[in-house]
C-alpha atoms as a PDB file:
ATOM      1  CA  MET A   1     -19.814   3.545  -5.254  1.00  0.00           C
ATOM      2  CA  GLY A   2     -22.234   5.470  -3.073  1.00  0.00           C
ATOM      3  CA  GLY A   3     -25.915   4.870  -3.774  1.00  0.00           C
ATOM      4  CA  GLU A   4     -25.615   1.147  -4.452  1.00  0.00           C
ATOM      5  CA  HIS A   5     -27.984  -1.239  -2.738  1.00  0.00           C
ATOM      6  CA  PRO A   6     -26.553  -3.311   0.124  1.00  0.00           C
ATOM      7  CA  GLU A   7     -25.046  -6.503  -1.203  1.00  0.00           C
ATOM      8  CA  GLN A   8     -27.103  -8.594   1.235  1.00  0.00           C
ATOM      9  CA  GLU A   9     -30.183  -7.770  -0.882  1.00  0.00           C
ATOM     10  CA  SER A  10     -28.747  -9.539  -3.939  1.00  0.00           C
ATOM     11  CA  ARG A  11     -27.531 -13.069  -3.218  1.00  0.00           C
ATOM     12  CA  VAL A  12     -28.532 -16.649  -3.911  1.00  0.00           C
ATOM     13  CA  LEU A  13     -30.629 -18.359  -1.221  1.00  0.00           C
ATOM     14  CA  SER A  14     -31.062 -21.841  -2.679  1.00  0.00           C
ATOM     15  CA  LEU A  15     -28.629 -24.140  -0.843  1.00  0.00           C
ATOM     16  CA  ARG A  16     -27.851 -26.234  -3.915  1.00  0.00           C
ATOM     17  CA  GLN A  17     -27.160 -23.234  -6.134  1.00  0.00           C
ATOM     18  CA  ARG A  18     -25.201 -21.479  -3.404  1.00  0.00           C
ATOM     19  CA  ALA A  19     -22.952 -24.534  -3.128  1.00  0.00           C
ATOM     20  CA  ARG A  20     -22.495 -24.462  -6.895  1.00  0.00           C
ATOM     21  CA  LEU A  21     -21.460 -20.797  -6.797  1.00  0.00           C
ATOM     22  CA  GLU A  22     -19.079 -21.394  -3.909  1.00  0.00           C
ATOM     23  CA  ARG A  23     -17.420 -24.298  -5.731  1.00  0.00           C
ATOM     24  CA  ARG A  24     -16.641 -22.016  -8.664  1.00  0.00           C
ATOM     25  CA  ILE A  25     -15.091 -19.425  -6.345  1.00  0.00           C
ATOM     26  CA  VAL A  26     -13.035 -22.083  -4.554  1.00  0.00           C
ATOM     27  CA  GLU A  27     -11.652 -23.341  -7.862  1.00  0.00           C
ATOM     28  CA  VAL A  28     -10.272 -19.886  -8.635  1.00  0.00           C
ATOM     29  CA  ALA A  29      -8.978 -19.407  -5.088  1.00  0.00           C
ATOM     30  CA  THR A  30      -7.254 -22.798  -5.021  1.00  0.00           C
ATOM     31  CA  GLU A  31      -5.297 -22.035  -8.173  1.00  0.00           C
ATOM     32  CA  PHE A  32      -4.363 -18.511  -7.056  1.00  0.00           C
ATOM     33  CA  TRP A  33      -3.318 -19.202  -3.457  1.00  0.00           C
ATOM     34  CA  GLY A  34      -1.530 -22.347  -4.550  1.00  0.00           C
ATOM     35  CA  ARG A  35       0.550 -20.268  -6.945  1.00  0.00           C
ATOM     36  CA  ALA A  36       1.038 -17.243  -4.681  1.00  0.00           C
ATOM     37  CA  LEU A  37       1.590 -18.970  -1.329  1.00  0.00           C
ATOM     38  CA  GLY A  38       2.009 -22.646  -2.136  1.00  0.00           C
ATOM     39  CA  ALA A  39      -1.147 -23.324  -0.115  1.00  0.00           C
ATOM     40  CA  PRO A  40      -2.587 -26.866  -0.427  1.00  0.00           C
ATOM     41  CA  ALA A  41      -6.046 -27.130  -1.983  1.00  0.00           C
ATOM     42  CA  ALA A  42      -7.620 -28.531   1.187  1.00  0.00           C
ATOM     43  CA  VAL A  43      -6.311 -25.619   3.248  1.00  0.00           C
ATOM     44  CA  VAL A  44      -7.664 -23.085   0.762  1.00  0.00           C
ATOM     45  CA  GLU A  45     -11.036 -24.833   0.775  1.00  0.00           C
ATOM     46  CA  THR A  46     -11.164 -24.608   4.576  1.00  0.00           C
ATOM     47  CA  ALA A  47     -10.305 -20.901   4.500  1.00  0.00           C
ATOM     48  CA  ALA A  48     -12.970 -20.258   1.856  1.00  0.00           C
ATOM     49  CA  ALA A  49     -15.553 -22.187   3.883  1.00  0.00           C
ATOM     50  CA  GLY A  50     -14.800 -19.930   6.855  1.00  0.00           C
ATOM     51  CA  PHE A  51     -15.514 -16.880   4.718  1.00  0.00           C
ATOM     52  CA  PHE A  52     -18.743 -18.278   3.282  1.00  0.00           C
ATOM     53  CA  ALA A  53     -19.943 -19.021   6.811  1.00  0.00           C
ATOM     54  CA  CYS A  54     -19.125 -15.656   8.390  1.00  0.00           C
ATOM     55  CA  TYR A  55     -19.738 -13.124   5.612  1.00  0.00           C
ATOM     56  CA  PRO A  56     -23.552 -13.163   5.872  1.00  0.00           C
ATOM     57  CA  GLU A  57     -23.108 -12.134   9.526  1.00  0.00           C
ATOM     58  CA  ARG A  58     -21.020  -9.053   8.721  1.00  0.00           C
ATOM     59  CA  PRO A  59     -21.893  -6.012  10.849  1.00  0.00           C
ATOM     60  CA  VAL A  60     -21.939  -3.552   7.918  1.00  0.00           C
ATOM     61  CA  SER A  61     -24.506  -4.690   5.348  1.00  0.00           C
ATOM     62  CA  ASP A  62     -23.920  -1.692   3.062  1.00  0.00           C
ATOM     63  CA  ASN A  63     -20.202  -0.995   2.827  1.00  0.00           C
ATOM     64  CA  SER A  64     -20.448   1.499  -0.030  1.00  0.00           C
ATOM     65  CA  GLY A  65     -17.094   3.160  -0.523  1.00  0.00           C
ATOM     66  CA  GLY A  66     -15.289   0.182   1.032  1.00  0.00           C
ATOM     67  CA  SER A  67     -14.547  -3.443   0.240  1.00  0.00           C
ATOM     68  CA  GLY A  68     -17.332  -5.547  -1.268  1.00  0.00           C
ATOM     69  CA  TYR A  69     -17.828  -9.296  -1.501  1.00  0.00           C
ATOM     70  CA  SER A  70     -14.914 -10.126  -3.809  1.00  0.00           C
ATOM     71  CA  ASP A  71     -12.235  -8.091  -2.057  1.00  0.00           C
ATOM     72  CA  CYS A  72     -13.535  -9.268   1.313  1.00  0.00           C
ATOM     73  CA  PHE A  73     -13.179 -12.866   0.126  1.00  0.00           C
ATOM     74  CA  TRP A  74      -9.553 -12.347  -0.903  1.00  0.00           C
ATOM     75  CA  LEU A  75      -8.717 -10.442   2.282  1.00  0.00           C
ATOM     76  CA  TYR A  76     -10.242 -13.084   4.561  1.00  0.00           C
ATOM     77  CA  THR A  77      -8.718 -16.087   2.803  1.00  0.00           C
ATOM     78  CA  GLY A  78      -5.329 -14.389   2.454  1.00  0.00           C
ATOM     79  CA  ALA A  79      -5.205 -13.477   6.142  1.00  0.00           C
ATOM     80  CA  ARG A  80      -6.403 -16.938   7.160  1.00  0.00           C
ATOM     81  CA  LEU A  81      -3.750 -18.666   5.045  1.00  0.00           C
ATOM     82  CA  LEU A  82      -0.932 -16.359   6.148  1.00  0.00           C
ATOM     83  CA  ALA A  83      -1.978 -16.720   9.817  1.00  0.00           C
ATOM     84  CA  PRO A  84      -0.084 -13.615  11.003  1.00  0.00           C
ATOM     85  CA  GLY A  85       0.451 -12.957  14.676  1.00  0.00           C
ATOM     86  CA  VAL A  86       0.378  -9.183  14.052  1.00  0.00           C
ATOM     87  CA  ILE A  87      -1.857  -7.302  11.593  1.00  0.00           C
ATOM     88  CA  VAL A  88      -1.852  -3.605  10.764  1.00  0.00           C
ATOM     89  CA  GLU A  89      -4.837  -2.306   8.835  1.00  0.00           C
ATOM     90  CA  SER A  90      -4.352   1.196   7.442  1.00  0.00           C
ATOM     91  CA  GLY A  91      -7.711   2.503   6.258  1.00  0.00           C
ATOM     92  CA  VAL A  92     -10.702   1.564   8.433  1.00  0.00           C
ATOM     93  CA  LEU A  93     -13.742   3.459   7.103  1.00  0.00           C
ATOM     94  CA  LYS A  94     -16.835   1.706   8.566  1.00  0.00           C
ATOM     95  CA  GLY A  95     -14.891  -1.161  10.117  1.00  0.00           C
ATOM     96  CA  GLN A  96     -15.983  -3.944   7.780  1.00  0.00           C
ATOM     97  CA  THR A  97     -12.460  -5.167   7.047  1.00  0.00           C
ATOM     98  CA  SER A  98     -11.427  -4.798  10.693  1.00  0.00           C
ATOM     99  CA  TRP A  99     -14.217  -7.221  11.547  1.00  0.00           C
ATOM    100  CA  LEU A 100     -13.212  -9.517   8.701  1.00  0.00           C
ATOM    101  CA  LEU A 101      -9.565  -9.636   9.796  1.00  0.00           C
ATOM    102  CA  ARG A 102     -10.649 -10.393  13.346  1.00  0.00           C
ATOM    103  CA  GLN A 103     -12.791 -13.284  12.100  1.00  0.00           C
ATOM    104  CA  ALA A 104      -9.968 -14.664   9.963  1.00  0.00           C
ATOM    105  CA  CYS A 105      -7.297 -14.314  12.653  1.00  0.00           C
ATOM    106  CA  PRO A 106      -9.007 -14.247  16.058  1.00  0.00           C
ATOM    107  CA  ALA A 107      -5.751 -14.523  18.023  1.00  0.00           C
ATOM    108  CA  ALA A 108      -3.759 -11.900  16.093  1.00  0.00           C
ATOM    109  CA  LEU A 109      -2.671  -8.589  17.576  1.00  0.00           C
ATOM    110  CA  LEU A 110      -4.742  -6.276  15.360  1.00  0.00           C
ATOM    111  CA  TYR A 111      -4.102  -2.557  14.850  1.00  0.00           C
ATOM    112  CA  ALA A 112      -6.723  -0.529  12.944  1.00  0.00           C
ATOM    113  CA  VAL A 113      -5.502   2.879  11.806  1.00  0.00           C
ATOM    114  CA  ASP A 114      -7.244   5.749  10.041  1.00  0.00           C
ATOM    115  CA  LEU A 115      -6.935   9.523   9.887  1.00  0.00           C
ATOM    116  CA  ASP A 116     -10.636   9.709  10.781  1.00  0.00           C
ATOM    117  CA  LEU A 117     -12.285   6.983  12.863  1.00  0.00           C
ATOM    118  CA  THR A 118     -15.640   8.711  13.211  1.00  0.00           C
ATOM    119  CA  GLN A 119     -17.235   6.668  10.404  1.00  0.00           C
ATOM    120  CA  ARG A 120     -16.793   3.334  12.212  1.00  0.00           C
ATOM    121  CA  MET A 121     -19.942   1.243  12.437  1.00  0.00           C
ATOM    122  CA  TYR A 122     -18.050  -1.718  13.920  1.00  0.00           C
ATOM    123  CA  ARG A 123     -15.553  -1.625  16.756  1.00  0.00           C
ATOM    124  CA  HIS A 124     -14.233  -4.279  19.127  1.00  0.00           C
ATOM    125  CA  ALA A 125     -12.344  -4.158  22.418  1.00  0.00           C
ATOM    126  CA  SER A 126      -9.693  -6.569  21.118  1.00  0.00           C
ATOM    127  CA  ILE A 127      -8.685  -4.199  18.288  1.00  0.00           C
ATOM    128  CA  HIS A 128      -6.106  -1.477  18.924  1.00  0.00           C
ATOM    129  CA  TYR A 129      -7.400   1.671  17.216  1.00  0.00           C
ATOM    130  CA  HIS A 130      -5.241   4.642  16.302  1.00  0.00           C
ATOM    131  CA  GLU A 131      -6.396   7.874  14.705  1.00  0.00           C
ATOM    132  CA  GLY A 132      -3.490   9.103  12.603  1.00  0.00           C
ATOM    133  CA  ASP A 133      -0.883   7.479  10.365  1.00  0.00           C
ATOM    134  CA  TRP A 134       0.370   3.937  10.835  1.00  0.00           C
ATOM    135  CA  THR A 135       3.970   5.176  11.149  1.00  0.00           C
ATOM    136  CA  GLU A 136       2.988   6.639  14.516  1.00  0.00           C
ATOM    137  CA  LEU A 137       2.498   3.152  15.953  1.00  0.00           C
ATOM    138  CA  GLY A 138       5.219   1.678  18.129  1.00  0.00           C
ATOM    139  CA  PHE A 139       6.147  -2.001  17.876  1.00  0.00           C
ATOM    140  CA  ASP A 140       8.695  -2.306  20.677  1.00  0.00           C
ATOM    141  CA  GLY A 141       8.505  -5.796  22.119  1.00  0.00           C
ATOM    142  CA  VAL A 142       6.226  -7.006  19.310  1.00  0.00           C
ATOM    143  CA  ASP A 143       7.412 -10.024  17.302  1.00  0.00           C
ATOM    144  CA  LEU A 144       6.990  -9.129  13.642  1.00  0.00           C
ATOM    145  CA  ALA A 145       8.282 -12.446  12.285  1.00  0.00           C
ATOM    146  CA  ARG A 146       4.714 -13.366  11.294  1.00  0.00           C
ATOM    147  CA  SER A 147       3.024 -10.118  10.408  1.00  0.00           C
ATOM    148  CA  LEU A 148       0.787  -8.552   7.772  1.00  0.00           C
ATOM    149  CA  CYS A 149       0.037  -5.008   6.669  1.00  0.00           C
ATOM    150  CA  PHE A 150      -3.178  -4.259   4.790  1.00  0.00           C
ATOM    151  CA  PHE A 151      -3.092  -0.865   3.082  1.00  0.00           C
ATOM    152  CA  ASP A 152      -6.406   0.577   1.914  1.00  0.00           C
ATOM    153  CA  ASP A 153      -5.630   4.188   2.725  1.00  0.00           C
ATOM    154  CA  HIS A 154      -5.105   5.875  -0.661  1.00  0.00           C
ATOM    155  CA  VAL A 155      -1.534   6.800   0.230  1.00  0.00           C
ATOM    156  CA  ASP A 156       1.470   6.499  -2.139  1.00  0.00           C
ATOM    157  CA  GLN A 157       2.046   2.734  -2.302  1.00  0.00           C
ATOM    158  CA  ALA A 158       5.764   3.085  -3.017  1.00  0.00           C
ATOM    159  CA  ARG A 159       6.060   5.041   0.224  1.00  0.00           C
ATOM    160  CA  ARG A 160       4.139   2.342   2.104  1.00  0.00           C
ATOM    161  CA  VAL A 161       6.542  -0.333   0.842  1.00  0.00           C
ATOM    162  CA  ARG A 162       9.538   1.655   2.120  1.00  0.00           C
ATOM    163  CA  GLU A 163       7.892   2.247   5.489  1.00  0.00           C
ATOM    164  CA  ALA A 164       6.840  -1.369   5.948  1.00  0.00           C
ATOM    165  CA  HIS A 165      10.248  -2.753   5.003  1.00  0.00           C
ATOM    166  CA  ALA A 166      12.056  -0.350   7.314  1.00  0.00           C
ATOM    167  CA  ARG A 167       9.809  -1.365  10.223  1.00  0.00           C
ATOM    168  CA  GLY A 168      10.337  -5.090   9.718  1.00  0.00           C
ATOM    169  CA  PHE A 169       7.153  -6.102   7.881  1.00  0.00           C
ATOM    170  CA  ARG A 170       7.623  -8.452   4.935  1.00  0.00           C
ATOM    171  CA  THR A 171       4.092  -9.341   3.783  1.00  0.00           C
ATOM    172  CA  LEU A 172       1.716  -6.658   2.534  1.00  0.00           C
ATOM    173  CA  LEU A 173      -1.722  -6.529   0.946  1.00  0.00           C
ATOM    174  CA  PHE A 174      -2.701  -3.481  -1.104  1.00  0.00           C
ATOM    175  CA  ASP A 175      -6.109  -2.336  -2.277  1.00  0.00           C
ATOM    176  CA  ASP A 176      -6.441   0.065  -5.246  1.00  0.00           C
ATOM    177  CA  ASP A 177      -3.280  -1.116  -7.001  1.00  0.00           C
ATOM    178  CA  LEU A 178      -4.332   0.583 -10.227  1.00  0.00           C
ATOM    179  CA  PRO A 179      -2.316   0.709 -13.442  1.00  0.00           C
ATOM    180  CA  ALA A 180      -1.576   4.163 -14.831  1.00  0.00           C
ATOM    181  CA  GLU A 181      -4.320   3.960 -17.459  1.00  0.00           C
ATOM    182  CA  THR A 182      -7.139   3.469 -14.902  1.00  0.00           C
ATOM    183  CA  LEU A 183      -6.291   5.951 -12.148  1.00  0.00           C
ATOM    184  CA  TYR A 184      -9.714   7.483 -12.742  1.00  0.00           C
ATOM    185  CA  ALA A 185     -11.330   4.466 -11.044  1.00  0.00           C
ATOM    186  CA  THR A 186     -10.943   5.849  -7.512  1.00  0.00           C
ATOM    187  CA  GLY A 187     -11.153   9.270  -5.955  1.00  0.00           C
ATOM    188  CA  SER A 188      -7.635   9.409  -4.543  1.00  0.00           C
ATOM    189  CA  PRO A 189      -5.380   6.904  -6.320  1.00  0.00           C
ATOM    190  CA  PRO A 190      -2.358   5.912  -4.173  1.00  0.00           C
ATOM    191  CA  VAL A 191       0.224   6.959  -6.761  1.00  0.00           C
ATOM    192  CA  PRO A 192       2.651   5.631  -7.575  1.00  0.00           C
ATOM    193  CA  THR A 193       0.887   2.293  -7.208  1.00  0.00           C
ATOM    194  CA  ILE A 194       2.643  -1.080  -7.132  1.00  0.00           C
ATOM    195  CA  SER A 195       1.640  -1.594 -10.774  1.00  0.00           C
ATOM    196  CA  MET A 196       3.270   1.710 -11.699  1.00  0.00           C
ATOM    197  CA  VAL A 197       6.451   0.767  -9.840  1.00  0.00           C
ATOM    198  CA  PHE A 198       6.902  -2.081 -12.330  1.00  0.00           C
ATOM    199  CA  ASP A 199       5.575  -0.312 -15.424  1.00  0.00           C
ATOM    200  CA  ASP A 200       8.567   0.115 -17.760  1.00  0.00           C
ATOM    201  CA  SER A 201       6.440   1.974 -20.314  1.00  0.00           C
ATOM    202  CA  LEU A 202       6.112   5.050 -18.083  1.00  0.00           C
ATOM    203  CA  GLU A 203       8.451   7.832 -19.129  1.00  0.00           C
ATOM    204  CA  PRO A 204      10.331  10.217 -16.807  1.00  0.00           C
ATOM    205  CA  GLY A 205       8.247  13.340 -16.304  1.00  0.00           C
ATOM    206  CA  GLU A 206       5.227  11.807 -18.033  1.00  0.00           C
ATOM    207  CA  ARG A 207       2.026  13.657 -17.169  1.00  0.00           C
ATOM    208  CA  ILE A 208      -0.767  11.203 -16.515  1.00  0.00           C
ATOM    209  CA  GLN A 209      -4.071  13.051 -16.741  1.00  0.00           C
ATOM    210  CA  TRP A 210      -7.620  11.860 -16.093  1.00  0.00           C
ATOM    211  CA  LEU A 211     -11.138  12.954 -15.234  1.00  0.00           C
ATOM    212  CA  ARG A 212     -12.793  11.864 -12.016  1.00  0.00           C
ATOM    213  CA  ARG A 213     -16.493  12.717 -11.921  1.00  0.00           C
ATOM    214  CA  GLY A 214     -15.878  15.640 -14.239  1.00  0.00           C
ATOM    215  CA  GLN A 215     -12.838  17.016 -12.397  1.00  0.00           C
ATOM    216  CA  ARG A 216      -9.490  17.036 -14.177  1.00  0.00           C
ATOM    217  CA  ARG A 217      -6.573  15.485 -12.281  1.00  0.00           C
ATOM    218  CA  GLU A 218      -2.908  14.885 -12.976  1.00  0.00           C
ATOM    219  CA  TYR A 219       0.110  12.975 -11.716  1.00  0.00           C
ATOM    220  CA  VAL A 220       3.678  13.484 -12.922  1.00  0.00           C
ATOM    221  CA  PHE A 221       5.674  10.262 -12.936  1.00  0.00           C
ATOM    222  CA  ASP A 222       9.157  10.395 -11.401  1.00  0.00           C
ATOM    223  CA  PRO A 223      11.164   7.159 -11.856  1.00  0.00           C
ATOM    224  CA  ALA A 224      13.435   8.164  -8.966  1.00  0.00           C
ATOM    225  CA  ARG A 225      10.479   7.649  -6.622  1.00  0.00           C
ATOM    226  CA  VAL A 226      10.067   3.994  -7.558  1.00  0.00           C
ATOM    227  CA  ARG A 227      13.529   2.721  -8.493  1.00  0.00           C
ATOM    228  CA  ASP A 228      14.534   1.766  -4.956  1.00  0.00           C
ATOM    229  CA  VAL A 229      11.138   0.215  -4.240  1.00  0.00           C
ATOM    230  CA  ARG A 230      11.607  -2.423  -6.933  1.00  0.00           C
ATOM    231  CA  GLU A 231      14.644  -3.658  -5.062  1.00  0.00           C
ATOM    232  CA  LEU A 232      12.578  -4.176  -1.901  1.00  0.00           C
ATOM    233  CA  ILE A 233       9.938  -6.382  -3.555  1.00  0.00           C
ATOM    234  CA  ARG A 234      10.684 -10.053  -4.175  1.00  0.00           C
ATOM    235  CA  GLY A 235       7.200 -11.055  -5.316  1.00  0.00           C
ATOM    236  CA  ARG A 236       3.753  -9.698  -6.125  1.00  0.00           C
ATOM    237  CA  HIS A 237       0.471 -11.363  -7.027  1.00  0.00           C
ATOM    238  CA  THR A 238      -2.842  -9.684  -7.861  1.00  0.00           C
ATOM    239  CA  THR A 239      -6.017 -11.574  -6.993  1.00  0.00           C
ATOM    240  CA  PRO A 240      -8.242 -12.727  -9.873  1.00  0.00           C
ATOM    241  CA  ASP A 241     -11.425 -10.873 -10.761  1.00  0.00           C
ATOM    242  CA  LEU A 242     -14.435 -12.720  -9.331  1.00  0.00           C
ATOM    243  CA  THR A 243     -16.987 -10.427 -10.983  1.00  0.00           C
ATOM    244  CA  PRO A 244     -17.876 -12.852 -13.837  1.00  0.00           C
ATOM    245  CA  ILE A 245     -18.706 -15.461 -11.174  1.00  0.00           C
ATOM    246  CA  VAL A 246     -20.406 -13.516  -8.375  1.00  0.00           C
ATOM    247  CA  ARG A 247     -21.967 -10.727 -10.499  1.00  0.00           C
ATOM    248  CA  GLN A 248     -21.501  -8.260  -7.657  1.00  0.00           C
ATOM    249  CA  ARG A 249     -20.018  -4.796  -8.104  1.00  0.00           C
ATOM    250  CA  VAL A 250     -16.714  -4.750  -9.939  1.00  0.00           C
ATOM    251  CA  GLN A 251     -13.638  -4.387  -7.735  1.00  0.00           C
ATOM    252  CA  GLY A 252      -9.958  -3.973  -8.491  1.00  0.00           C
ATOM    253  CA  GLY A 253      -8.795  -6.882  -6.381  1.00  0.00           C
ATOM    254  CA  LEU A 254      -5.952  -6.971  -3.882  1.00  0.00           C
ATOM    255  CA  THR A 255      -2.231  -7.221  -4.540  1.00  0.00           C
ATOM    256  CA  LEU A 256      -0.090  -9.425  -2.318  1.00  0.00           C
ATOM    257  CA  VAL A 257       3.424  -7.975  -2.025  1.00  0.00           C
ATOM    258  CA  GLN A 258       6.284  -9.953  -0.477  1.00  0.00           C
ATOM    259  CA  LEU A 259       9.387  -8.002   0.521  1.00  0.00           C
ATOM    260  CA  VAL A 260      13.035  -8.989   0.678  1.00  0.00           C
ATOM    261  CA  ASP A 261      14.675  -9.544   4.055  1.00  0.00           C
END
C-alpha cells in the first residue's frame, strides 16, 4: 500500500457528522463482539470510545504497509475487551500497533517482536522488544492465564497456532488470514492461513498459483500440515469489513482464534 496519503489527511472534522460515523461503527462492533466474546453492548461502546479518542493521537500518521484505521479499530477494541495481562505482538514494523496495544491495555506485560526492528518510529520503555522470532522469548514465571498473541508477521499461521498452544496461549489474533483465492493480496501470505486450515475444498497437492505485482508465485497445499491444527482450534471469528462505512483503504480484517485447553 506504499504511496498512499496518510489517513489523517482524509477524515471528517464536523463533530455532529463524526458522531454519526462513530455510531455506525459501534453498531457493527456491538453485534460482532457480542457474538464473538459475549461482550455487553455498553462495554463495547466504552472500548470503541477509547479508540475514537486515542487514534487521532497516534504516533505514526502514515502507516503504509501496516494496519490502517479499520484493523486498528478491531485490534484496540479486541484487546480492550479481552483485557489480557500478557500480550505478544509478532510483527512490529513502524510500531503503530505496539502503541495501540499499549493504549488499550496500559497495565499489560507487552512483548513486541520482529526480525527487523530498525523501521520502528514508535518505541516505549514499558514495551519489551525482541529482534528475532517470538519462540525465542521465555515466559518462566509469567502467568499466561489471561494472555493474547497478535500475529502480523507473514509466517505460516498453522505453525503459529501450534506454537502458541504448546506455550500455553489460548487467545490469538491474526492479520492477513486470506482465503486461498486471494493470496495475491499481500506480498508474503502466511500460508497455510487459518481460512485454508478449514477449507475443505482444497485438494491434497493442489498448486495454488498467483501473480503479485507481475511476479508468479505458488503454494502447494498439504492437508497433513493443517489436520492437527483444526483440533487445536475451538472457535474463530473474522472481523467485519468497515470499508463501506469509513471509506478508508480496504483491509482484510483480523481473525480471532480461540484454542482448546
